[in-house]
């Protein structure tokens, strides 16, 4: 086989593989935010630990915010991601239900215990949160109840503070 034949075969294979490589992929910004085709999407009805948030598990610090982002990265890896807009938030992000390969990412994050059902905005993921609590997934595995991200942000804004408040609308089941 000549060099030109090899090169031609290689180019033909590249062209055949092109659409798979051209498939847009989502980049994960944190546990509840991703970017797809230049648009920033905030996952509707959930609130994941913040990037720098630390939780406790088995008496040890646990980088729950980083784990949430890593889990979402794993969920979108090499899968076609689509987002269905629900609203816009005050930061201009599109609030959406996003899917990877047909799987509801919002629900998957809550079920893994790496996001809370954000019942202030939606009750759609309460059942997934109850499942996570029963199975002691993610933040629900902690021997000290993890501070929900909305409380964690509020304490940082107001210079510290103590305590957490239960997720409004949930029974408070769990530890």
Protein backbone atom coordinates (compact mmCIF):
# COMPACT_ATOMS: atom_id res chain seq x y z
CA UNK A 1 0.00 0.00 0.00
CA UNK A 2 1.38 3.39 -0.94
CA UNK A 3 1.69 6.37 1.33
CA UNK A 4 -1.15 8.13 -0.55
CA UNK A 5 -3.46 5.15 -0.11
CA UNK A 6 -2.71 5.00 3.63
CA UNK A 7 -3.23 8.73 3.97
CA UNK A 8 -6.49 8.54 1.98
CA UNK A 9 -7.78 5.69 4.14
CA UNK A 10 -6.87 7.61 7.29
CA UNK A 11 -8.65 10.75 6.07
CA UNK A 12 -11.73 8.73 5.13
CA UNK A 13 -11.83 7.25 8.65
CA UNK A 14 -11.50 10.71 10.16
CA UNK A 15 -14.40 11.97 8.07
CA UNK A 16 -16.55 9.02 9.12
CA UNK A 17 -15.70 9.60 12.78
CA UNK A 18 -16.19 13.38 12.46
CA UNK A 19 -19.77 13.71 13.68
CA UNK A 20 -19.00 11.86 16.92
CA UNK A 21 -16.10 14.20 17.60
CA UNK A 22 -18.17 17.24 16.65
CA UNK A 23 -20.85 16.35 19.23
CA UNK A 24 -20.92 19.26 21.67
CA UNK A 25 -20.11 18.28 25.19
CA UNK A 26 -21.08 20.02 28.37
CA UNK A 27 -18.46 21.41 30.70
CA UNK A 28 -19.24 21.25 34.40
CA UNK A 29 -18.75 24.46 36.39
CA UNK A 30 -19.89 23.02 39.73
CA UNK A 31 -22.33 20.44 41.08
CA UNK A 32 -25.42 22.19 39.74
CA UNK A 33 -24.15 24.33 36.86
CA UNK A 34 -22.90 23.40 33.42
CA UNK A 35 -22.07 25.11 30.17
CA UNK A 36 -23.27 23.79 26.82
CA UNK A 37 -22.76 25.50 23.46
CA UNK A 38 -21.77 28.74 25.20
CA UNK A 39 -24.89 28.83 27.41
CA UNK A 40 -24.63 28.50 31.21
CA UNK A 41 -27.31 26.28 32.71
CA UNK A 42 -28.26 26.11 36.39
CA UNK A 43 -29.94 22.79 37.18
CA UNK A 44 -33.57 23.42 38.11
CA UNK A 45 -34.92 22.40 41.50
CA UNK A 46 -31.64 21.33 43.09
CA UNK A 47 -28.81 22.92 45.05
CA UNK A 48 -25.45 21.17 45.22
CA UNK A 49 -22.69 21.87 47.75
CA UNK A 50 -20.59 24.86 46.71
CA UNK A 51 -17.13 24.21 45.18
CA UNK A 52 -15.31 25.20 48.37
CA UNK A 53 -17.86 23.70 50.75
CA UNK A 54 -16.52 21.10 53.16
CA UNK A 55 -18.82 18.56 54.83
CA UNK A 56 -18.02 15.94 57.44
CA UNK A 57 -18.22 12.19 57.09
CA UNK A 58 -17.00 9.68 59.66
CA UNK A 59 -15.53 12.56 61.68
CA UNK A 60 -13.34 13.67 58.76
CA UNK A 61 -13.55 16.69 56.48
CA UNK A 62 -14.91 15.76 53.09
CA UNK A 63 -14.74 18.01 50.01
CA UNK A 64 -18.42 17.53 49.22
CA UNK A 65 -18.55 20.46 46.77
CA UNK A 66 -15.68 19.07 44.71
CA UNK A 67 -17.18 15.58 44.80
CA UNK A 68 -20.52 16.94 43.57
CA UNK A 69 -18.83 18.59 40.58
CA UNK A 70 -16.80 15.43 39.85
CA UNK A 71 -19.96 13.31 39.97
CA UNK A 72 -21.76 15.62 37.53
CA UNK A 73 -18.67 15.51 35.27
CA UNK A 74 -18.91 11.73 35.28
CA UNK A 75 -22.62 11.83 34.45
CA UNK A 76 -22.09 14.00 31.36
CA UNK A 77 -18.84 12.39 30.15
CA UNK A 78 -19.07 11.23 26.55
CA UNK A 79 -22.85 11.55 26.54
CA UNK A 80 -25.10 13.83 24.56
CA UNK A 81 -26.39 16.55 26.89
CA UNK A 82 -29.63 18.43 26.32
CA UNK A 83 -31.23 21.09 28.50
CA UNK A 84 -34.86 22.17 28.65
CA UNK A 85 -35.18 25.76 29.86
CA UNK A 86 -37.56 26.43 32.74
CA UNK A 87 -36.62 29.97 33.74
CA UNK A 88 -33.74 32.45 34.10
CA UNK A 89 -32.08 33.26 37.40
CA UNK A 90 -30.92 36.65 38.66
CA UNK A 91 -27.42 35.95 37.32
CA UNK A 92 -28.69 35.46 33.76
CA UNK A 93 -28.21 31.70 33.76
CA UNK A 94 -30.84 29.53 32.13
CA UNK A 95 -32.50 27.39 34.80
CA UNK A 96 -33.14 24.02 33.17
CA UNK A 97 -33.77 20.34 33.43
CA UNK A 98 -30.76 18.77 31.77
CA UNK A 99 -30.32 15.23 30.53
CA UNK A 100 -27.31 13.20 29.50
CA UNK A 101 -28.12 10.23 27.32
CA UNK A 102 -31.75 10.68 28.40
CA UNK A 103 -30.96 10.55 32.16
CA UNK A 104 -32.30 13.46 34.23
CA UNK A 105 -29.10 14.97 35.66
CA UNK A 106 -30.98 17.01 38.26
CA UNK A 107 -32.60 13.88 39.71
CA UNK A 108 -29.37 11.87 39.48
CA UNK A 109 -27.47 14.45 41.52
CA UNK A 110 -30.11 14.48 44.28
CA UNK A 111 -30.43 10.68 44.29
CA UNK A 112 -26.63 10.39 44.68
CA UNK A 113 -26.88 12.65 47.73
CA UNK A 114 -24.68 15.26 46.05
CA UNK A 115 -27.40 17.90 45.82
CA UNK A 116 -30.44 18.81 47.86
CA UNK A 117 -33.95 19.15 46.50
CA UNK A 118 -34.31 22.95 46.37
CA UNK A 119 -37.95 23.02 47.45
CA UNK A 120 -38.04 26.81 47.54
CA UNK A 121 -38.15 26.57 43.73
CA UNK A 122 -39.51 23.10 42.96
CA UNK A 123 -40.80 20.00 44.70
CA UNK A 124 -39.91 17.76 41.74
CA UNK A 125 -36.95 16.08 43.44
CA UNK A 126 -38.29 15.45 46.95
CA UNK A 127 -38.69 11.71 46.32
CA UNK A 128 -35.12 11.46 45.01
CA UNK A 129 -33.91 13.22 48.15
CA UNK A 130 -35.87 10.85 50.38
CA UNK A 131 -34.24 7.92 48.54
CA UNK A 132 -30.80 9.44 49.14
CA UNK A 133 -31.60 9.91 52.82
CA UNK A 134 -32.81 6.33 53.26
CA UNK A 135 -29.78 4.93 51.42
CA UNK A 136 -27.47 7.40 53.23
CA UNK A 137 -25.94 8.56 49.96
CA UNK A 138 -23.57 11.52 49.77
CA UNK A 139 -24.38 14.29 52.24
CA UNK A 140 -26.85 11.96 53.98
CA UNK A 141 -24.02 9.57 54.98
CA UNK A 142 -22.54 12.15 57.32
CA UNK A 143 -22.69 11.59 61.05
CA UNK A 144 -23.07 15.38 61.34
CA UNK A 145 -25.84 16.73 59.14
CA UNK A 146 -24.32 18.60 56.21
CA UNK A 147 -25.28 22.25 55.90
CA UNK A 148 -27.46 22.75 52.82
CA UNK A 149 -25.76 24.94 50.22
CA UNK A 150 -28.32 27.77 50.58
CA UNK A 151 -27.53 28.00 54.32
CA UNK A 152 -23.79 27.67 53.69
CA UNK A 153 -23.91 30.63 51.26
CA UNK A 154 -25.99 32.70 53.68
CA UNK A 155 -23.55 32.13 56.56
CA UNK A 156 -20.64 33.18 54.33
CA UNK A 157 -22.46 36.35 53.25
CA UNK A 158 -23.25 37.31 56.84
CA UNK A 159 -19.79 36.62 58.21
CA UNK A 160 -20.29 33.26 59.82
CA UNK A 161 -23.16 32.18 61.98
CA UNK A 162 -24.33 28.89 63.26
CA UNK A 163 -26.79 26.17 62.64
CA UNK A 164 -28.70 25.01 59.63
CA UNK A 165 -32.32 25.11 58.80
CA UNK A 166 -34.14 22.11 57.50
CA UNK A 167 -35.08 22.05 53.85
CA UNK A 168 -38.53 23.67 53.77
CA UNK A 169 -41.09 21.17 52.63
CA UNK A 170 -39.19 18.05 53.69
CA UNK A 171 -39.91 15.98 56.74
CA UNK A 172 -36.37 16.25 58.05
CA UNK A 173 -35.96 12.50 57.77
CA UNK A 174 -32.38 11.36 58.15
CA UNK A 175 -29.66 12.06 60.63
